[in-house]
Amino acid sequence: MKAFVHEGEKLLIKDVAEPDVKDDEVKISIKVAGLNHRDLHIPKRRGNVADPLVLGSDGAGVVEMTGKNVTNVSVGDEVIINPGIGWLHQSDAPPESFEIVGMPDDGTFAEKYVVDQKYVEKKPSYLSWEEAGVLALAALTGYRALFTKGKVSPDSTVFLPGAGSGVVTYMIQFAKAIGARVIVTSRSAEKKAYARSIGADLVIDTEADWDVELQDETIDLVIESIGKATFNRSLSVLRKGGRMVTFGATTEDQVTIDIRQFFYGQYQLFGSTMGSREELRTALKFMEKHQIYPVVDKVLAFDEMENAFKYLDEAKQFGKIAVQISKDD
């Protein structure tokens, strides 16, 4: 089968052995896979490793084969892949055994993917293949950050720096679905317009003075995924006693804060990453109830995978990038 792999210092499409199916596993013929920033960072983390690793954490497809113990899906079922391996039930933090699909084990950027039956969910019928293929990682991450950790409520005002990220496009829609007020930032006029179109109440420029722009707002919750470049700016607009949730760092990881200002402000800081199967299932029900659609910026062919990586690395997207692994017959 064809797969997109990291091998040595290269990223390439090559033929690899099709995986076997164990008793509790299912084999999925992948229709569409979705890119995440995680996919950009894995080659740097692996370094010059000779053994090929199939990248990719998100995907949707059709069950092609099942092991003898599989009971929750059948051959022919349309499914999405839960990228959080080893985290079934909601908890304060993931179990020590928690792993994300795509490293250390092979991921979804391949014609076939095999996984334990516990990590497949039925594809929401109202979504296209392209929408389903980019769904799980970002939607789950956003749902946990916003609801489980952020405790968002209908009377909350939420501040989300970086309007174009896939996770943020979900959180804008999630927060608006319950009636919260949503404020986002962007440098791009086009992304600002897109953010408004999916529900953002106020969009400000990334380079503006946020303290001035938001002086008449009461920010109850900030969800940060940018890191050093915006962390302290985000903290400065949060109301005293408010919550900040951080789930990523697309700029530098190391952040310095004025700890005295922090404890006098009675701020609450929470870390979050991904989520449990329980939360994913709740998120899927929430999305179907409110008819929330993943925002797909671009759909590319499998042989355009390198272009997809470049597009994501240059932060040109608003929402998610989908890659069509196999075409409909």
C-alpha atoms as a PDB file:
ATOM      1  CA  MET A   1       0.000   0.000   0.000  1.00  0.00           C
ATOM      2  CA  LYS A   2       1.054   3.608  -0.485  1.00  0.00           C
ATOM      3  CA  ALA A   3       1.837   5.721   2.568  1.00  0.00           C
ATOM      4  CA  PHE A   4       3.373   9.104   3.381  1.00  0.00           C
ATOM      5  CA  VAL A   5       6.317   8.460   5.667  1.00  0.00           C
ATOM      6  CA  HIS A   6       9.184  10.090   7.483  1.00  0.00           C
ATOM      7  CA  GLU A   7      12.320   8.118   6.658  1.00  0.00           C
ATOM      8  CA  GLY A   8      15.815   9.337   7.486  1.00  0.00           C
ATOM      9  CA  GLU A   9      15.595  13.050   6.832  1.00  0.00           C
ATOM     10  CA  LYS A  10      13.009  12.715   4.066  1.00  0.00           C
ATOM     11  CA  LEU A  11       9.254  12.933   3.742  1.00  0.00           C
ATOM     12  CA  LEU A  12       7.957  10.863   0.861  1.00  0.00           C
ATOM     13  CA  ILE A  13       5.198   8.643  -0.489  1.00  0.00           C
ATOM     14  CA  LYS A  14       6.343   5.054  -0.799  1.00  0.00           C
ATOM     15  CA  ASP A  15       5.029   1.492  -0.860  1.00  0.00           C
ATOM     16  CA  VAL A  16       4.953  -0.145   2.576  1.00  0.00           C
ATOM     17  CA  ALA A  17       3.641  -3.465   3.829  1.00  0.00           C
ATOM     18  CA  GLU A  18      -0.082  -3.568   4.543  1.00  0.00           C
ATOM     19  CA  PRO A  19      -0.633  -4.083   8.309  1.00  0.00           C
ATOM     20  CA  ASP A  20      -2.052  -7.326   9.677  1.00  0.00           C
ATOM     21  CA  VAL A  21      -5.292  -7.401  11.663  1.00  0.00           C
ATOM     22  CA  LYS A  22      -5.331  -8.873  15.182  1.00  0.00           C
ATOM     23  CA  ASP A  23      -8.391 -10.262  16.959  1.00  0.00           C
ATOM     24  CA  ASP A  24      -9.515  -6.924  18.477  1.00  0.00           C
ATOM     25  CA  GLU A  25      -8.545  -4.741  15.543  1.00  0.00           C
ATOM     26  CA  VAL A  26     -10.154  -3.285  12.442  1.00  0.00           C
ATOM     27  CA  LYS A  27      -8.630  -2.427   9.096  1.00  0.00           C
ATOM     28  CA  ILE A  28      -9.870   0.821   7.588  1.00  0.00           C
ATOM     29  CA  SER A  29      -9.589   1.881   3.979  1.00  0.00           C
ATOM     30  CA  ILE A  30      -8.782   5.569   4.456  1.00  0.00           C
ATOM     31  CA  LYS A  31     -10.817   7.993   2.358  1.00  0.00           C
ATOM     32  CA  VAL A  32      -9.570  11.297   3.759  1.00  0.00           C
ATOM     33  CA  ALA A  33      -6.893  12.222   6.281  1.00  0.00           C
ATOM     34  CA  GLY A  34      -6.401  15.533   8.040  1.00  0.00           C
ATOM     35  CA  LEU A  35      -3.228  17.486   8.760  1.00  0.00           C
ATOM     36  CA  ASN A  36      -2.298  18.819  12.190  1.00  0.00           C
ATOM     37  CA  HIS A  37       0.639  20.890  13.416  1.00  0.00           C
ATOM     38  CA  ARG A  38       1.789  17.739  15.189  1.00  0.00           C
ATOM     39  CA  ASP A  39       2.605  16.286  11.760  1.00  0.00           C
ATOM     40  CA  LEU A  40       5.020  19.157  11.087  1.00  0.00           C
ATOM     41  CA  HIS A  41       6.902  18.634  14.337  1.00  0.00           C
ATOM     42  CA  ILE A  42       7.313  14.838  14.340  1.00  0.00           C
ATOM     43  CA  PRO A  43      10.106  14.745  11.702  1.00  0.00           C
ATOM     44  CA  LYS A  44      12.119  17.225  13.811  1.00  0.00           C
ATOM     45  CA  ARG A  45      11.518  15.149  16.941  1.00  0.00           C
ATOM     46  CA  ARG A  46      12.503  11.873  15.243  1.00  0.00           C
ATOM     47  CA  GLY A  47      15.621  13.240  13.581  1.00  0.00           C
ATOM     48  CA  ASN A  48      17.564  10.988  11.242  1.00  0.00           C
ATOM     49  CA  VAL A  49      15.774   7.690  11.922  1.00  0.00           C
ATOM     50  CA  ALA A  50      16.128   5.165   9.121  1.00  0.00           C
ATOM     51  CA  ASP A  51      12.952   3.173   9.810  1.00  0.00           C
ATOM     52  CA  PRO A  52       9.944   4.682   7.978  1.00  0.00           C
ATOM     53  CA  LEU A  53       7.096   5.996  10.113  1.00  0.00           C
ATOM     54  CA  VAL A  54       3.676   6.605   8.569  1.00  0.00           C
ATOM     55  CA  LEU A  55       2.605  10.064   9.744  1.00  0.00           C
ATOM     56  CA  GLY A  56      -0.917  11.323  10.391  1.00  0.00           C
ATOM     57  CA  SER A  57      -3.303  11.411  13.358  1.00  0.00           C
ATOM     58  CA  ASP A  58      -6.676  12.124  11.745  1.00  0.00           C
ATOM     59  CA  GLY A  59      -8.629  10.107   9.237  1.00  0.00           C
ATOM     60  CA  ALA A  60     -11.959   8.698   8.103  1.00  0.00           C
ATOM     61  CA  GLY A  61     -12.765   5.717   5.959  1.00  0.00           C
ATOM     62  CA  VAL A  62     -14.589   2.436   5.482  1.00  0.00           C
ATOM     63  CA  VAL A  63     -14.059  -0.692   7.567  1.00  0.00           C
ATOM     64  CA  GLU A  64     -12.527  -3.289   5.277  1.00  0.00           C
ATOM     65  CA  MET A  65     -11.740  -6.121   7.697  1.00  0.00           C
ATOM     66  CA  THR A  66     -12.420  -6.969  11.343  1.00  0.00           C
ATOM     67  CA  GLY A  67     -10.741  -9.292  13.831  1.00  0.00           C
ATOM     68  CA  LYS A  68     -12.734 -12.153  15.323  1.00  0.00           C
ATOM     69  CA  ASN A  69     -13.405 -10.296  18.604  1.00  0.00           C
ATOM     70  CA  VAL A  70     -14.675  -7.079  17.038  1.00  0.00           C
ATOM     71  CA  THR A  71     -18.267  -6.268  17.926  1.00  0.00           C
ATOM     72  CA  ASN A  72     -18.771  -2.489  17.701  1.00  0.00           C
ATOM     73  CA  VAL A  73     -18.289  -2.078  13.937  1.00  0.00           C
ATOM     74  CA  SER A  74     -18.795  -4.211  10.849  1.00  0.00           C
ATOM     75  CA  VAL A  75     -17.256  -4.453   7.407  1.00  0.00           C
ATOM     76  CA  GLY A  76     -18.617  -1.597   5.289  1.00  0.00           C
ATOM     77  CA  ASP A  77     -19.197   0.798   8.185  1.00  0.00           C
ATOM     78  CA  GLU A  78     -18.107   4.406   7.685  1.00  0.00           C
ATOM     79  CA  VAL A  79     -15.927   5.485  10.592  1.00  0.00           C
ATOM     80  CA  ILE A  80     -13.596   8.142  11.960  1.00  0.00           C
ATOM     81  CA  ILE A  81     -10.441   7.419  13.907  1.00  0.00           C
ATOM     82  CA  ASN A  82      -9.986   8.500  17.511  1.00  0.00           C
ATOM     83  CA  PRO A  83      -6.348   9.671  17.613  1.00  0.00           C
ATOM     84  CA  GLY A  84      -6.042   9.363  21.414  1.00  0.00           C
ATOM     85  CA  ILE A  85      -4.799   5.845  22.149  1.00  0.00           C
ATOM     86  CA  GLY A  86      -5.108   4.623  25.741  1.00  0.00           C
ATOM     87  CA  TRP A  87      -7.420   7.352  27.104  1.00  0.00           C
ATOM     88  CA  LEU A  88     -10.956   6.047  27.364  1.00  0.00           C
ATOM     89  CA  HIS A  89     -12.533   7.792  30.350  1.00  0.00           C
ATOM     90  CA  GLN A  90     -12.525  11.450  31.322  1.00  0.00           C
ATOM     91  CA  SER A  91      -9.844  12.247  33.904  1.00  0.00           C
ATOM     92  CA  ASP A  92      -7.821  15.215  35.109  1.00  0.00           C
ATOM     93  CA  ALA A  93      -4.894  14.122  32.927  1.00  0.00           C
ATOM     94  CA  PRO A  94      -4.294  11.311  30.431  1.00  0.00           C
ATOM     95  CA  PRO A  95      -3.005   7.921  31.624  1.00  0.00           C
ATOM     96  CA  GLU A  96       0.728   7.296  31.480  1.00  0.00           C
ATOM     97  CA  SER A  97       0.123   4.908  28.570  1.00  0.00           C
ATOM     98  CA  PHE A  98      -1.557   7.622  26.475  1.00  0.00           C
ATOM     99  CA  GLU A  99      -0.244   8.012  22.918  1.00  0.00           C
ATOM    100  CA  ILE A 100      -1.383   9.967  19.888  1.00  0.00           C
ATOM    101  CA  VAL A 101      -1.801   8.201  16.552  1.00  0.00           C
ATOM    102  CA  GLY A 102       1.118   8.850  14.211  1.00  0.00           C
ATOM    103  CA  MET A 103       4.015   8.403  16.658  1.00  0.00           C
ATOM    104  CA  PRO A 104       5.447   6.135  17.915  1.00  0.00           C
ATOM    105  CA  ASP A 105       3.170   3.840  15.882  1.00  0.00           C
ATOM    106  CA  ASP A 106       2.148   4.300  12.247  1.00  0.00           C
ATOM    107  CA  GLY A 107      -0.566   6.822  11.483  1.00  0.00           C
ATOM    108  CA  THR A 108      -3.313   7.609   9.026  1.00  0.00           C
ATOM    109  CA  PHE A 109      -1.483   8.956   5.949  1.00  0.00           C
ATOM    110  CA  ALA A 110      -1.830   5.605   4.206  1.00  0.00           C
ATOM    111  CA  GLU A 111      -4.281   3.693   2.070  1.00  0.00           C
ATOM    112  CA  LYS A 112      -4.980   1.299   4.974  1.00  0.00           C
ATOM    113  CA  TYR A 113      -4.899   1.837   8.729  1.00  0.00           C
ATOM    114  CA  VAL A 114      -5.285  -0.775  11.469  1.00  0.00           C
ATOM    115  CA  VAL A 115      -6.322   0.031  15.039  1.00  0.00           C
ATOM    116  CA  ASP A 116      -8.032  -1.519  18.052  1.00  0.00           C
ATOM    117  CA  GLN A 117     -11.829  -1.366  17.782  1.00  0.00           C
ATOM    118  CA  LYS A 118     -11.941   0.920  20.853  1.00  0.00           C
ATOM    119  CA  TYR A 119     -10.549   3.786  18.773  1.00  0.00           C
ATOM    120  CA  VAL A 120     -13.045   3.999  15.938  1.00  0.00           C
ATOM    121  CA  GLU A 121     -16.331   5.902  16.009  1.00  0.00           C
ATOM    122  CA  LYS A 122     -19.163   5.936  13.497  1.00  0.00           C
ATOM    123  CA  LYS A 123     -18.778   8.756  10.968  1.00  0.00           C
ATOM    124  CA  PRO A 124     -21.402  11.473  11.571  1.00  0.00           C
ATOM    125  CA  SER A 125     -23.820  10.964   8.699  1.00  0.00           C
ATOM    126  CA  TYR A 126     -24.359  14.690   8.081  1.00  0.00           C
ATOM    127  CA  LEU A 127     -20.662  15.291   7.347  1.00  0.00           C
ATOM    128  CA  SER A 128     -18.807  14.792   4.059  1.00  0.00           C
ATOM    129  CA  TRP A 129     -15.712  12.609   3.912  1.00  0.00           C
ATOM    130  CA  GLU A 130     -13.538  15.722   3.813  1.00  0.00           C
ATOM    131  CA  GLU A 131     -15.182  17.105   6.957  1.00  0.00           C
ATOM    132  CA  ALA A 132     -15.058  13.781   8.800  1.00  0.00           C
ATOM    133  CA  GLY A 133     -11.420  13.219   7.892  1.00  0.00           C
ATOM    134  CA  VAL A 134     -10.259  16.384   9.668  1.00  0.00           C
ATOM    135  CA  LEU A 135     -12.577  16.103  12.639  1.00  0.00           C
ATOM    136  CA  ALA A 136     -11.308  14.202  15.641  1.00  0.00           C
ATOM    137  CA  LEU A 137      -8.017  15.647  16.911  1.00  0.00           C
ATOM    138  CA  ALA A 138      -8.883  19.338  16.678  1.00  0.00           C
ATOM    139  CA  ALA A 139     -12.527  18.995  17.730  1.00  0.00           C
ATOM    140  CA  LEU A 140     -11.604  16.865  20.742  1.00  0.00           C
ATOM    141  CA  THR A 141      -8.796  19.222  21.746  1.00  0.00           C
ATOM    142  CA  GLY A 142     -11.091  22.236  21.488  1.00  0.00           C
ATOM    143  CA  TYR A 143     -13.967  20.568  23.314  1.00  0.00           C
ATOM    144  CA  ARG A 144     -11.860  19.587  26.331  1.00  0.00           C
ATOM    145  CA  ALA A 145     -10.095  22.960  26.504  1.00  0.00           C
ATOM    146  CA  LEU A 146     -13.340  24.896  26.275  1.00  0.00           C
ATOM    147  CA  PHE A 147     -15.748  22.794  28.342  1.00  0.00           C
ATOM    148  CA  THR A 148     -13.838  20.390  30.598  1.00  0.00           C
ATOM    149  CA  LYS A 149     -10.985  22.735  31.522  1.00  0.00           C
ATOM    150  CA  GLY A 150     -12.386  26.163  30.634  1.00  0.00           C
ATOM    151  CA  LYS A 151     -15.849  25.607  32.155  1.00  0.00           C
ATOM    152  CA  VAL A 152     -17.349  27.917  29.522  1.00  0.00           C
ATOM    153  CA  SER A 153     -20.938  28.996  30.135  1.00  0.00           C
ATOM    154  CA  PRO A 154     -23.558  30.917  28.145  1.00  0.00           C
ATOM    155  CA  ASP A 155     -22.705  34.133  29.990  1.00  0.00           C
ATOM    156  CA  SER A 156     -18.931  33.797  29.409  1.00  0.00           C
ATOM    157  CA  THR A 157     -16.796  36.009  27.200  1.00  0.00           C
ATOM    158  CA  VAL A 158     -14.081  33.898  25.590  1.00  0.00           C
ATOM    159  CA  PHE A 159     -10.856  35.220  24.046  1.00  0.00           C
ATOM    160  CA  LEU A 160      -9.177  33.021  21.413  1.00  0.00           C
ATOM    161  CA  PRO A 161      -5.900  34.315  19.946  1.00  0.00           C
ATOM    162  CA  GLY A 162      -5.201  33.044  16.426  1.00  0.00           C
ATOM    163  CA  ALA A 163      -8.437  32.779  14.470  1.00  0.00           C
ATOM    164  CA  GLY A 164      -7.163  30.521  11.694  1.00  0.00           C
ATOM    165  CA  SER A 165      -6.151  27.405  13.587  1.00  0.00           C
ATOM    166  CA  GLY A 166      -8.285  24.316  13.191  1.00  0.00           C
ATOM    167  CA  VAL A 167      -8.920  24.017  16.927  1.00  0.00           C
ATOM    168  CA  VAL A 168      -9.983  27.668  17.186  1.00  0.00           C
ATOM    169  CA  THR A 169     -12.491  27.296  14.339  1.00  0.00           C
ATOM    170  CA  TYR A 170     -14.168  24.530  16.350  1.00  0.00           C
ATOM    171  CA  MET A 171     -14.082  26.521  19.600  1.00  0.00           C
ATOM    172  CA  ILE A 172     -15.674  29.566  17.982  1.00  0.00           C
ATOM    173  CA  GLN A 173     -18.595  27.402  16.875  1.00  0.00           C
ATOM    174  CA  PHE A 174     -18.805  25.435  20.133  1.00  0.00           C
ATOM    175  CA  ALA A 175     -18.872  28.586  22.278  1.00  0.00           C
ATOM    176  CA  LYS A 176     -21.450  30.302  20.065  1.00  0.00           C
ATOM    177  CA  ALA A 177     -23.652  27.195  20.141  1.00  0.00           C
ATOM    178  CA  ILE A 178     -24.198  27.694  23.878  1.00  0.00           C
ATOM    179  CA  GLY A 179     -24.528  31.486  23.587  1.00  0.00           C
ATOM    180  CA  ALA A 180     -21.116  32.668  24.831  1.00  0.00           C
ATOM    181  CA  ARG A 181     -19.465  35.838  23.488  1.00  0.00           C
ATOM    182  CA  VAL A 182     -16.384  35.082  21.368  1.00  0.00           C
ATOM    183  CA  ILE A 183     -13.434  37.376  20.603  1.00  0.00           C
ATOM    184  CA  VAL A 184     -10.583  36.306  18.303  1.00  0.00           C
ATOM    185  CA  THR A 185      -7.459  37.782  16.737  1.00  0.00           C
ATOM    186  CA  SER A 186      -5.825  37.639  13.310  1.00  0.00           C
ATOM    187  CA  ARG A 187      -3.444  39.570  11.083  1.00  0.00           C
ATOM    188  CA  SER A 188      -5.316  38.573   7.931  1.00  0.00           C
ATOM    189  CA  ALA A 189      -8.363  40.490   6.701  1.00  0.00           C
ATOM    190  CA  GLU A 190      -9.577  37.308   5.008  1.00  0.00           C
ATOM    191  CA  LYS A 191      -9.285  35.253   8.193  1.00  0.00           C
ATOM    192  CA  LYS A 192     -11.038  37.985  10.162  1.00  0.00           C
ATOM    193  CA  ALA A 193     -13.957  37.788   7.745  1.00  0.00           C
ATOM    194  CA  TYR A 194     -14.044  33.987   7.963  1.00  0.00           C
ATOM    195  CA  ALA A 195     -14.026  34.155  11.772  1.00  0.00           C
ATOM    196  CA  ARG A 196     -17.027  36.478  11.742  1.00  0.00           C
ATOM    197  CA  SER A 197     -18.821  34.202   9.294  1.00  0.00           C
ATOM    198  CA  ILE A 198     -18.666  31.240  11.715  1.00  0.00           C
ATOM    199  CA  GLY A 199     -19.794  33.242  14.722  1.00  0.00           C
ATOM    200  CA  ALA A 200     -17.033  35.401  16.209  1.00  0.00           C
ATOM    201  CA  ASP A 201     -18.588  38.472  17.842  1.00  0.00           C
ATOM    202  CA  LEU A 202     -15.457  40.627  17.764  1.00  0.00           C
ATOM    203  CA  VAL A 203     -12.259  40.237  15.730  1.00  0.00           C
ATOM    204  CA  ILE A 204      -9.211  42.361  16.520  1.00  0.00           C
ATOM    205  CA  ASP A 205      -5.837  42.626  14.858  1.00  0.00           C
ATOM    206  CA  THR A 206      -3.007  40.522  16.244  1.00  0.00           C
ATOM    207  CA  GLU A 207      -0.687  43.546  16.165  1.00  0.00           C
ATOM    208  CA  ALA A 208      -3.130  45.887  17.928  1.00  0.00           C
ATOM    209  CA  ASP A 209      -2.841  46.895  21.576  1.00  0.00           C
ATOM    210  CA  TRP A 210      -5.137  44.298  23.094  1.00  0.00           C
ATOM    211  CA  ASP A 211      -5.441  46.137  26.404  1.00  0.00           C
ATOM    212  CA  VAL A 212      -6.820  49.147  24.553  1.00  0.00           C
ATOM    213  CA  GLU A 213      -8.992  47.209  22.116  1.00  0.00           C
ATOM    214  CA  LEU A 214     -10.568  45.154  24.899  1.00  0.00           C
ATOM    215  CA  GLN A 215     -10.777  47.730  27.665  1.00  0.00           C
ATOM    216  CA  ASP A 216     -14.574  47.632  27.593  1.00  0.00           C
ATOM    217  CA  GLU A 217     -14.736  43.817  27.594  1.00  0.00           C
ATOM    218  CA  THR A 218     -14.742  41.454  30.566  1.00  0.00           C
ATOM    219  CA  ILE A 219     -12.783  38.390  29.479  1.00  0.00           C
ATOM    220  CA  ASP A 220     -13.744  35.376  31.587  1.00  0.00           C
ATOM    221  CA  LEU A 221     -11.779  32.732  29.694  1.00  0.00           C
ATOM    222  CA  VAL A 222      -8.682  32.814  27.505  1.00  0.00           C
ATOM    223  CA  ILE A 223      -7.638  29.737  25.533  1.00  0.00           C
ATOM    224  CA  GLU A 224      -4.014  29.982  24.423  1.00  0.00           C
ATOM    225  CA  SER A 225      -2.224  27.867  21.840  1.00  0.00           C
ATOM    226  CA  ILE A 226       0.445  30.235  20.514  1.00  0.00           C
ATOM    227  CA  GLY A 227       2.957  30.301  23.353  1.00  0.00           C
ATOM    228  CA  LYS A 228       5.580  32.925  24.127  1.00  0.00           C
ATOM    229  CA  ALA A 229       4.483  35.395  21.440  1.00  0.00           C
ATOM    230  CA  THR A 230       1.052  35.980  22.992  1.00  0.00           C
ATOM    231  CA  PHE A 231       0.916  34.377  26.441  1.00  0.00           C
ATOM    232  CA  ASN A 232       1.467  37.517  28.527  1.00  0.00           C
ATOM    233  CA  ARG A 233      -0.608  39.664  26.195  1.00  0.00           C
ATOM    234  CA  SER A 234      -3.476  37.219  26.633  1.00  0.00           C
ATOM    235  CA  LEU A 235      -3.045  37.114  30.392  1.00  0.00           C
ATOM    236  CA  SER A 236      -3.145  40.926  30.571  1.00  0.00           C
ATOM    237  CA  VAL A 237      -6.708  41.074  29.160  1.00  0.00           C
ATOM    238  CA  LEU A 238      -8.102  38.308  31.367  1.00  0.00           C
ATOM    239  CA  ARG A 239     -10.322  39.520  34.201  1.00  0.00           C
ATOM    240  CA  LYS A 240      -9.026  38.998  37.724  1.00  0.00           C
ATOM    241  CA  GLY A 241      -9.969  35.537  38.878  1.00  0.00           C
ATOM    242  CA  GLY A 242     -10.476  34.400  35.295  1.00  0.00           C
ATOM    243  CA  ARG A 243      -9.321  31.169  33.676  1.00  0.00           C
ATOM    244  CA  MET A 244      -6.602  30.619  31.107  1.00  0.00           C
ATOM    245  CA  VAL A 245      -6.311  27.262  29.349  1.00  0.00           C
ATOM    246  CA  THR A 246      -3.263  26.459  27.241  1.00  0.00           C
ATOM    247  CA  PHE A 247      -3.077  23.478  24.892  1.00  0.00           C
ATOM    248  CA  GLY A 248      -0.230  24.285  22.513  1.00  0.00           C
ATOM    249  CA  ALA A 249       2.679  26.508  21.572  1.00  0.00           C
ATOM    250  CA  THR A 250       3.147  27.324  17.904  1.00  0.00           C
ATOM    251  CA  THR A 251       5.828  29.832  18.966  1.00  0.00           C
ATOM    252  CA  GLU A 252       8.423  29.227  21.696  1.00  0.00           C
ATOM    253  CA  ASP A 253       7.525  26.946  24.603  1.00  0.00           C
ATOM    254  CA  GLN A 254       9.292  28.890  27.367  1.00  0.00           C
ATOM    255  CA  VAL A 255       7.195  31.672  28.915  1.00  0.00           C
ATOM    256  CA  THR A 256       8.149  34.121  31.685  1.00  0.00           C
ATOM    257  CA  ILE A 257       5.406  35.627  33.844  1.00  0.00           C
ATOM    258  CA  ASP A 258       5.271  38.151  36.655  1.00  0.00           C
ATOM    259  CA  ILE A 259       4.308  35.723  39.412  1.00  0.00           C
ATOM    260  CA  ARG A 260       3.369  38.485  41.855  1.00  0.00           C
ATOM    261  CA  GLN A 261       0.962  39.992  39.323  1.00  0.00           C
ATOM    262  CA  PHE A 262      -0.378  36.512  38.706  1.00  0.00           C
ATOM    263  CA  PHE A 263      -1.181  35.629  42.288  1.00  0.00           C
ATOM    264  CA  TYR A 264      -2.517  39.082  43.122  1.00  0.00           C
ATOM    265  CA  GLY A 265      -4.832  38.713  40.134  1.00  0.00           C
ATOM    266  CA  GLN A 266      -6.071  35.345  41.462  1.00  0.00           C
ATOM    267  CA  TYR A 267      -5.772  33.926  37.940  1.00  0.00           C
ATOM    268  CA  GLN A 268      -6.350  30.251  37.201  1.00  0.00           C
ATOM    269  CA  LEU A 269      -4.070  28.480  34.709  1.00  0.00           C
ATOM    270  CA  PHE A 270      -4.871  25.063  33.231  1.00  0.00           C
ATOM    271  CA  GLY A 271      -3.011  22.814  30.834  1.00  0.00           C
ATOM    272  CA  SER A 272      -4.918  20.678  28.358  1.00  0.00           C
ATOM    273  CA  THR A 273      -4.142  18.290  25.544  1.00  0.00           C
ATOM    274  CA  MET A 274      -6.421  16.174  23.394  1.00  0.00           C
ATOM    275  CA  GLY A 275      -9.091  14.376  25.444  1.00  0.00           C
ATOM    276  CA  SER A 276     -10.658  11.043  26.333  1.00  0.00           C
ATOM    277  CA  ARG A 277     -12.882   8.801  24.236  1.00  0.00           C
ATOM    278  CA  GLU A 278     -15.725   9.805  26.547  1.00  0.00           C
ATOM    279  CA  GLU A 279     -15.174  13.475  25.673  1.00  0.00           C
ATOM    280  CA  LEU A 280     -14.883  12.723  21.963  1.00  0.00           C
ATOM    281  CA  ARG A 281     -18.233  10.956  21.994  1.00  0.00           C
ATOM    282  CA  THR A 282     -19.794  13.863  23.883  1.00  0.00           C
ATOM    283  CA  ALA A 283     -18.277  16.305  21.389  1.00  0.00           C
ATOM    284  CA  LEU A 284     -19.671  14.344  18.432  1.00  0.00           C
ATOM    285  CA  LYS A 285     -23.162  14.402  19.960  1.00  0.00           C
ATOM    286  CA  PHE A 286     -22.824  18.130  20.642  1.00  0.00           C
ATOM    287  CA  MET A 287     -21.749  18.792  17.053  1.00  0.00           C
ATOM    288  CA  GLU A 288     -24.637  16.792  15.611  1.00  0.00           C
ATOM    289  CA  LYS A 289     -27.169  18.453  17.916  1.00  0.00           C
ATOM    290  CA  HIS A 290     -26.014  21.932  16.879  1.00  0.00           C
ATOM    291  CA  GLN A 291     -25.155  20.960  13.268  1.00  0.00           C
ATOM    292  CA  ILE A 292     -21.573  22.162  13.603  1.00  0.00           C
ATOM    293  CA  TYR A 293     -19.380  21.573  10.558  1.00  0.00           C
ATOM    294  CA  PRO A 294     -15.586  21.351  10.475  1.00  0.00           C
ATOM    295  CA  VAL A 295     -14.083  24.266   8.562  1.00  0.00           C
ATOM    296  CA  VAL A 296     -12.109  22.771   5.644  1.00  0.00           C
ATOM    297  CA  ASP A 297      -9.793  25.304   4.029  1.00  0.00           C
ATOM    298  CA  LYS A 298      -8.375  23.112   1.284  1.00  0.00           C
ATOM    299  CA  VAL A 299      -8.660  19.570  -0.073  1.00  0.00           C
ATOM    300  CA  LEU A 300      -5.530  18.189  -1.739  1.00  0.00           C
ATOM    301  CA  ALA A 301      -4.729  14.923  -3.492  1.00  0.00           C
ATOM    302  CA  PHE A 302      -2.511  12.320  -1.809  1.00  0.00           C
ATOM    303  CA  ASP A 303       0.361  13.041  -4.174  1.00  0.00           C
ATOM    304  CA  GLU A 304       0.222  16.714  -3.084  1.00  0.00           C
ATOM    305  CA  MET A 305       1.078  15.862   0.519  1.00  0.00           C
ATOM    306  CA  GLU A 306       4.335  17.849   0.498  1.00  0.00           C
ATOM    307  CA  ASN A 307       2.412  20.923  -0.690  1.00  0.00           C
ATOM    308  CA  ALA A 308      -0.090  20.374   2.119  1.00  0.00           C
ATOM    309  CA  PHE A 309       2.729  20.367   4.681  1.00  0.00           C
ATOM    310  CA  LYS A 310       4.157  23.567   3.237  1.00  0.00           C
ATOM    311  CA  TYR A 311       0.759  25.274   3.231  1.00  0.00           C
ATOM    312  CA  LEU A 312       0.218  24.397   6.896  1.00  0.00           C
ATOM    313  CA  ASP A 313       3.748  25.411   7.871  1.00  0.00           C
ATOM    314  CA  GLU A 314       3.214  28.841   6.313  1.00  0.00           C
ATOM    315  CA  ALA A 315      -0.008  29.271   8.355  1.00  0.00           C
ATOM    316  CA  LYS A 316      -2.026  30.123   5.258  1.00  0.00           C
ATOM    317  CA  GLN A 317      -5.037  28.035   6.224  1.00  0.00           C
ATOM    318  CA  PHE A 318      -8.266  29.000   7.933  1.00  0.00           C
ATOM    319  CA  GLY A 319      -9.447  25.779   9.495  1.00  0.00           C
ATOM    320  CA  LYS A 320      -8.272  22.355   8.403  1.00  0.00           C
ATOM    321  CA  ILE A 321      -6.414  20.855   5.457  1.00  0.00           C
ATOM    322  CA  ALA A 322      -7.827  17.593   4.115  1.00  0.00           C
ATOM    323  CA  VAL A 323      -5.932  15.085   1.974  1.00  0.00           C
ATOM    324  CA  GLN A 324      -7.865  12.709  -0.241  1.00  0.00           C
ATOM    325  CA  ILE A 325      -6.184   9.342   0.196  1.00  0.00           C
ATOM    326  CA  SER A 326      -8.549   7.305  -1.984  1.00  0.00           C
ATOM    327  CA  LYS A 327     -11.237   8.378  -4.421  1.00  0.00           C
ATOM    328  CA  ASP A 328     -14.777   7.074  -4.530  1.00  0.00           C
ATOM    329  CA  ASP A 329     -15.325   4.284  -7.025  1.00  0.00           C
END
